[in-house]
């Protein structure tokens, strides 16, 4: 097995009296894609935000390439430069063009020259199927196109891992496929990813491992075939049965 890029050890997080994460342990190895599945409120998004240091954990540790990043003495800015977090709501700057959104971080966070950043940005737009869209602003793009710009922006910083937070949940059904195809391409290139998703067929196709969360605990972890087809825990079976009855798998 490859060396771990991310290690989450005993992470807990509460918002007031609401304990959202209960001692989560998880490892994501180099070139591996791990899918986080579970009902809304199970802790998937909170876990990703804890890893990206947008939310301060209460206990436990998160390691990036063997270095603890959740110690209060750690500067979060350089850590976030090594991670690429993509939100479900795109979070693009509306007054900037697609190309400007992509190059912003490369220039100011990674020190690339204007021309280097723009050249890399154009290549990323082409790579994500957006050639010719570089001068368009987010309002001129479809939701699927905006999400692909967000993926390109996250990838522009050459992150050690991509953290994808339900990147298709805000999209109309007909636009979901184009975003999932972009993530499939990243997986084929060996990009390390931790993916919170409600798309079970996508998790089965792309993920090396699947982690099922319920009420802030990882109750089951294993291969997609094991967790999604032949789960051991009754909670996992119940979750998948609900999705099946709702016609979502």
Protein backbone atom coordinates (compact mmCIF):
# COMPACT_ATOMS: atom_id res chain seq x y z
CA UNK A 1 0.00 0.00 0.00
CA UNK A 2 1.18 3.52 -0.79
CA UNK A 3 2.22 5.92 1.95
CA UNK A 4 -0.68 7.76 3.58
CA UNK A 5 -1.34 11.31 2.46
CA UNK A 6 -4.08 11.96 5.03
CA UNK A 7 -4.48 10.34 8.43
CA UNK A 8 -7.40 11.20 10.70
CA UNK A 9 -7.01 9.90 14.23
CA UNK A 10 -9.69 10.12 16.90
CA UNK A 11 -11.17 13.37 15.58
CA UNK A 12 -14.12 14.75 17.52
CA UNK A 13 -16.11 17.93 16.91
CA UNK A 14 -19.13 19.43 18.63
CA UNK A 15 -21.12 22.57 17.93
CA UNK A 16 -22.43 23.47 21.34
CA UNK A 17 -24.20 20.40 22.71
CA UNK A 18 -24.41 18.79 19.26
CA UNK A 19 -21.49 16.36 18.88
CA UNK A 20 -21.04 15.96 15.12
CA UNK A 21 -17.91 13.79 14.96
CA UNK A 22 -17.22 11.02 17.48
CA UNK A 23 -13.59 9.84 17.37
CA UNK A 24 -13.25 9.42 13.60
CA UNK A 25 -10.29 7.36 12.31
CA UNK A 26 -9.54 7.28 8.59
CA UNK A 27 -6.52 6.95 6.29
CA UNK A 28 -6.26 8.01 2.64
CA UNK A 29 -3.21 6.63 0.84
CA UNK A 30 -1.34 8.16 -2.08
CA UNK A 31 -3.29 7.91 -5.38
CA UNK A 32 -6.32 6.55 -3.52
CA UNK A 33 -9.91 7.75 -3.70
CA UNK A 34 -12.03 7.26 -0.57
CA UNK A 35 -15.76 7.96 -0.69
CA UNK A 36 -17.64 9.15 2.38
CA UNK A 37 -21.29 8.12 2.32
CA UNK A 38 -24.11 8.59 4.79
CA UNK A 39 -27.30 10.53 5.34
CA UNK A 40 -27.38 14.31 5.57
CA UNK A 41 -26.08 15.33 8.99
CA UNK A 42 -23.88 12.26 9.38
CA UNK A 43 -20.72 14.40 9.56
CA UNK A 44 -19.28 14.10 6.06
CA UNK A 45 -18.98 17.82 5.30
CA UNK A 46 -17.81 18.65 8.82
CA UNK A 47 -15.02 16.10 8.51
CA UNK A 48 -13.80 17.65 5.25
CA UNK A 49 -13.85 21.12 6.78
CA UNK A 50 -11.90 19.88 9.80
CA UNK A 51 -9.26 18.45 7.49
CA UNK A 52 -9.00 21.75 5.58
CA UNK A 53 -8.78 23.63 8.92
CA UNK A 54 -11.94 25.61 8.26
CA UNK A 55 -13.38 24.11 11.44
CA UNK A 56 -11.29 23.63 14.57
CA UNK A 57 -11.44 20.10 15.99
CA UNK A 58 -12.06 19.45 19.67
CA UNK A 59 -9.86 16.38 20.01
CA UNK A 60 -7.73 14.04 17.93
CA UNK A 61 -5.28 14.82 15.14
CA UNK A 62 -5.15 15.17 11.37
CA UNK A 63 -1.86 14.39 9.60
CA UNK A 64 -0.86 15.50 6.10
CA UNK A 65 2.14 13.59 4.76
CA UNK A 66 2.97 12.52 8.30
CA UNK A 67 2.89 16.02 9.78
CA UNK A 68 0.20 17.00 12.26
CA UNK A 69 -1.77 19.95 10.88
CA UNK A 70 -4.41 20.38 13.59
CA UNK A 71 -2.12 21.60 16.35
CA UNK A 72 -3.17 25.16 17.29
CA UNK A 73 0.36 26.38 16.56
CA UNK A 74 0.10 25.35 12.87
CA UNK A 75 -0.52 28.15 10.37
CA UNK A 76 -3.57 27.03 8.34
CA UNK A 77 -2.73 29.06 5.23
CA UNK A 78 0.18 26.94 3.92
CA UNK A 79 -1.75 23.80 4.86
CA UNK A 80 -4.70 24.84 2.72
CA UNK A 81 -2.33 25.46 -0.16
CA UNK A 82 -1.52 21.74 -0.05
CA UNK A 83 -5.18 20.73 -0.13
CA UNK A 84 -7.88 21.47 -2.67
CA UNK A 85 -11.40 21.74 -1.25
CA UNK A 86 -14.32 21.94 -3.67
CA UNK A 87 -17.70 22.89 -2.23
CA UNK A 88 -21.14 21.86 -3.42
CA UNK A 89 -22.04 25.52 -4.07
CA UNK A 90 -19.03 26.28 -6.36
CA UNK A 91 -17.90 29.40 -4.40
CA UNK A 92 -16.54 31.08 -7.52
CA UNK A 93 -15.90 34.83 -7.50
CA UNK A 94 -18.81 36.19 -9.59
CA UNK A 95 -16.96 39.31 -10.79
CA UNK A 96 -14.03 37.28 -12.19
CA UNK A 97 -13.89 35.30 -15.42
CA UNK A 98 -13.43 31.53 -15.44
CA UNK A 99 -9.72 31.94 -16.16
CA UNK A 100 -9.28 34.62 -13.49
CA UNK A 101 -10.95 32.38 -10.90
CA UNK A 102 -8.48 29.61 -11.71
CA UNK A 103 -5.29 31.66 -11.77
CA UNK A 104 -5.96 33.68 -8.63
CA UNK A 105 -4.64 31.10 -6.19
CA UNK A 106 -1.79 30.03 -8.45
CA UNK A 107 -0.50 33.59 -8.62
CA UNK A 108 -0.97 34.79 -5.06
CA UNK A 109 -0.76 31.58 -3.04
CA UNK A 110 1.87 29.76 -5.08
CA UNK A 111 3.88 32.66 -6.52
CA UNK A 112 3.44 31.86 -10.21
CA UNK A 113 3.96 34.70 -12.66
CA UNK A 114 0.93 36.12 -14.45
CA UNK A 115 1.79 34.42 -17.72
CA UNK A 116 2.66 31.08 -16.06
CA UNK A 117 -0.61 31.09 -14.18
CA UNK A 118 -2.67 32.03 -17.23
CA UNK A 119 -1.02 29.40 -19.39
CA UNK A 120 -1.63 26.74 -16.75
CA UNK A 121 -5.19 27.99 -16.33
CA UNK A 122 -5.92 27.71 -20.07
CA UNK A 123 -4.60 24.15 -20.10
CA UNK A 124 -6.80 23.28 -17.12
CA UNK A 125 -9.87 24.76 -18.79
CA UNK A 126 -9.16 22.63 -21.84
CA UNK A 127 -8.54 19.58 -19.66
CA UNK A 128 -11.92 20.04 -17.93
CA UNK A 129 -13.79 20.53 -21.19
CA UNK A 130 -14.06 24.31 -20.97
CA UNK A 131 -11.84 25.49 -23.82
CA UNK A 132 -13.15 28.78 -25.20
CA UNK A 133 -14.92 29.68 -21.94
CA UNK A 134 -12.00 31.48 -20.31
CA UNK A 135 -13.49 34.99 -20.56
CA UNK A 136 -16.97 34.06 -19.34
CA UNK A 137 -18.11 34.87 -15.82
CA UNK A 138 -19.85 32.32 -13.57
CA UNK A 139 -23.34 33.69 -14.32
CA UNK A 140 -22.74 32.93 -18.00
CA UNK A 141 -21.93 29.27 -17.28
CA UNK A 142 -24.17 26.34 -16.44
CA UNK A 143 -23.97 24.79 -12.98
CA UNK A 144 -21.96 21.88 -14.34
CA UNK A 145 -19.53 24.24 -16.03
CA UNK A 146 -19.16 26.30 -12.86
CA UNK A 147 -18.39 23.18 -10.86
CA UNK A 148 -15.76 22.14 -13.39
CA UNK A 149 -14.18 25.60 -13.07
CA UNK A 150 -14.14 25.02 -9.30
CA UNK A 151 -12.42 21.67 -9.81
CA UNK A 152 -9.88 23.26 -12.13
CA UNK A 153 -9.23 26.03 -9.59
CA UNK A 154 -8.64 23.50 -6.82
CA UNK A 155 -6.35 21.46 -9.06
CA UNK A 156 -4.37 24.53 -10.19
CA UNK A 157 -2.52 24.55 -6.87
CA UNK A 158 -1.22 21.00 -7.47
CA UNK A 159 -2.66 19.82 -4.15
CA UNK A 160 -1.54 16.72 -2.31
CA UNK A 161 -5.21 15.75 -2.00
CA UNK A 162 -8.56 16.94 -3.29
CA UNK A 163 -11.45 17.18 -0.82
CA UNK A 164 -14.76 17.05 -2.69
CA UNK A 165 -17.86 17.98 -0.73
CA UNK A 166 -21.01 16.72 -2.49
CA UNK A 167 -19.89 18.39 -5.71
CA UNK A 168 -23.00 17.30 -7.63
CA UNK A 169 -25.73 17.95 -5.05
CA UNK A 170 -26.48 21.51 -6.22
CA UNK A 171 -26.72 20.49 -9.89
CA UNK A 172 -29.70 19.67 -12.04
CA UNK A 173 -29.74 15.92 -12.83
CA UNK A 174 -28.74 16.44 -16.47
CA UNK A 175 -25.56 18.27 -15.38
CA UNK A 176 -24.36 15.72 -12.83
CA UNK A 177 -22.73 13.43 -15.38
CA UNK A 178 -20.28 15.99 -16.75
CA UNK A 179 -18.90 16.75 -13.29
CA UNK A 180 -18.62 13.08 -12.36
CA UNK A 181 -16.76 12.46 -15.62
CA UNK A 182 -14.21 15.13 -14.66
CA UNK A 183 -13.68 13.44 -11.29
CA UNK A 184 -13.31 10.05 -13.01
CA UNK A 185 -10.55 11.53 -15.16
CA UNK A 186 -8.74 12.79 -12.04
CA UNK A 187 -9.01 9.34 -10.49
CA UNK A 188 -7.51 7.73 -13.59
CA UNK A 189 -4.57 10.11 -13.29
CA UNK A 190 -3.93 8.96 -9.72
CA UNK A 191 -5.08 12.07 -7.89
CA UNK A 192 -5.56 11.45 -4.16
CA UNK A 193 -9.16 12.25 -3.22
CA UNK A 194 -11.53 12.19 -0.27
CA UNK A 195 -15.06 12.47 -1.67
CA UNK A 196 -18.28 13.09 0.23
CA UNK A 197 -21.02 11.90 -2.12
CA UNK A 198 -24.62 10.76 -2.33
CA UNK A 199 -24.02 9.17 -5.74
CA UNK A 200 -23.70 5.47 -4.85
CA UNK A 201 -23.03 4.25 -8.39
CA UNK A 202 -20.26 6.82 -8.70
CA UNK A 203 -18.75 5.78 -5.36
CA UNK A 204 -18.76 2.16 -6.47
CA UNK A 205 -17.09 3.02 -9.77
CA UNK A 206 -14.45 5.50 -8.64
CA UNK A 207 -13.58 4.81 -4.99
CA UNK A 208 -10.93 2.40 -3.79
CA UNK A 209 -12.59 2.36 -0.38
CA UNK A 210 -15.94 3.51 0.99
CA UNK A 211 -16.55 4.78 4.52
CA UNK A 212 -20.12 4.79 5.82
CA UNK A 213 -20.83 7.46 8.45
CA UNK A 214 -23.79 7.60 10.78
CA UNK A 215 -24.14 10.18 13.54
CA UNK A 216 -20.48 11.17 13.28
CA UNK A 217 -19.01 7.67 13.43
CA UNK A 218 -17.51 5.52 10.70
CA UNK A 219 -19.51 2.34 11.14
CA UNK A 220 -18.23 0.48 8.10
CA UNK A 221 -15.16 0.74 5.88
CA UNK A 222 -14.06 -1.41 2.98
CA UNK A 223 -14.10 -1.91 -0.76
CA UNK A 224 -17.06 -0.52 -2.69
CA UNK A 225 -18.33 -4.01 -3.44
CA UNK A 226 -18.15 -4.94 0.22
CA UNK A 227 -19.80 -1.82 1.68
CA UNK A 228 -22.31 -1.09 -1.08
CA UNK A 229 -23.22 -4.62 -2.16
CA UNK A 230 -22.60 -6.85 0.84
CA UNK A 231 -22.46 -4.64 3.94
CA UNK A 232 -22.06 -6.15 7.39
CA UNK A 233 -23.62 -3.49 9.62
CA UNK A 234 -27.41 -3.24 9.92
CA UNK A 235 -27.10 0.56 9.83
CA UNK A 236 -25.41 0.39 6.42
CA UNK A 237 -28.04 -2.02 5.12
CA UNK A 238 -30.80 0.26 6.37
CA UNK A 239 -29.22 3.35 4.72
CA UNK A 240 -28.83 1.58 1.36
CA UNK A 241 -32.35 0.16 1.55
CA UNK A 242 -33.77 3.66 2.05
CA UNK A 243 -31.88 4.88 -1.02
CA UNK A 244 -33.13 1.93 -3.05
CA UNK A 245 -36.73 2.57 -2.01
CA UNK A 246 -36.33 6.22 -2.97
CA UNK A 247 -35.01 5.21 -6.39
CA UNK A 248 -31.61 6.78 -5.78
CA UNK A 249 -29.59 3.62 -6.45
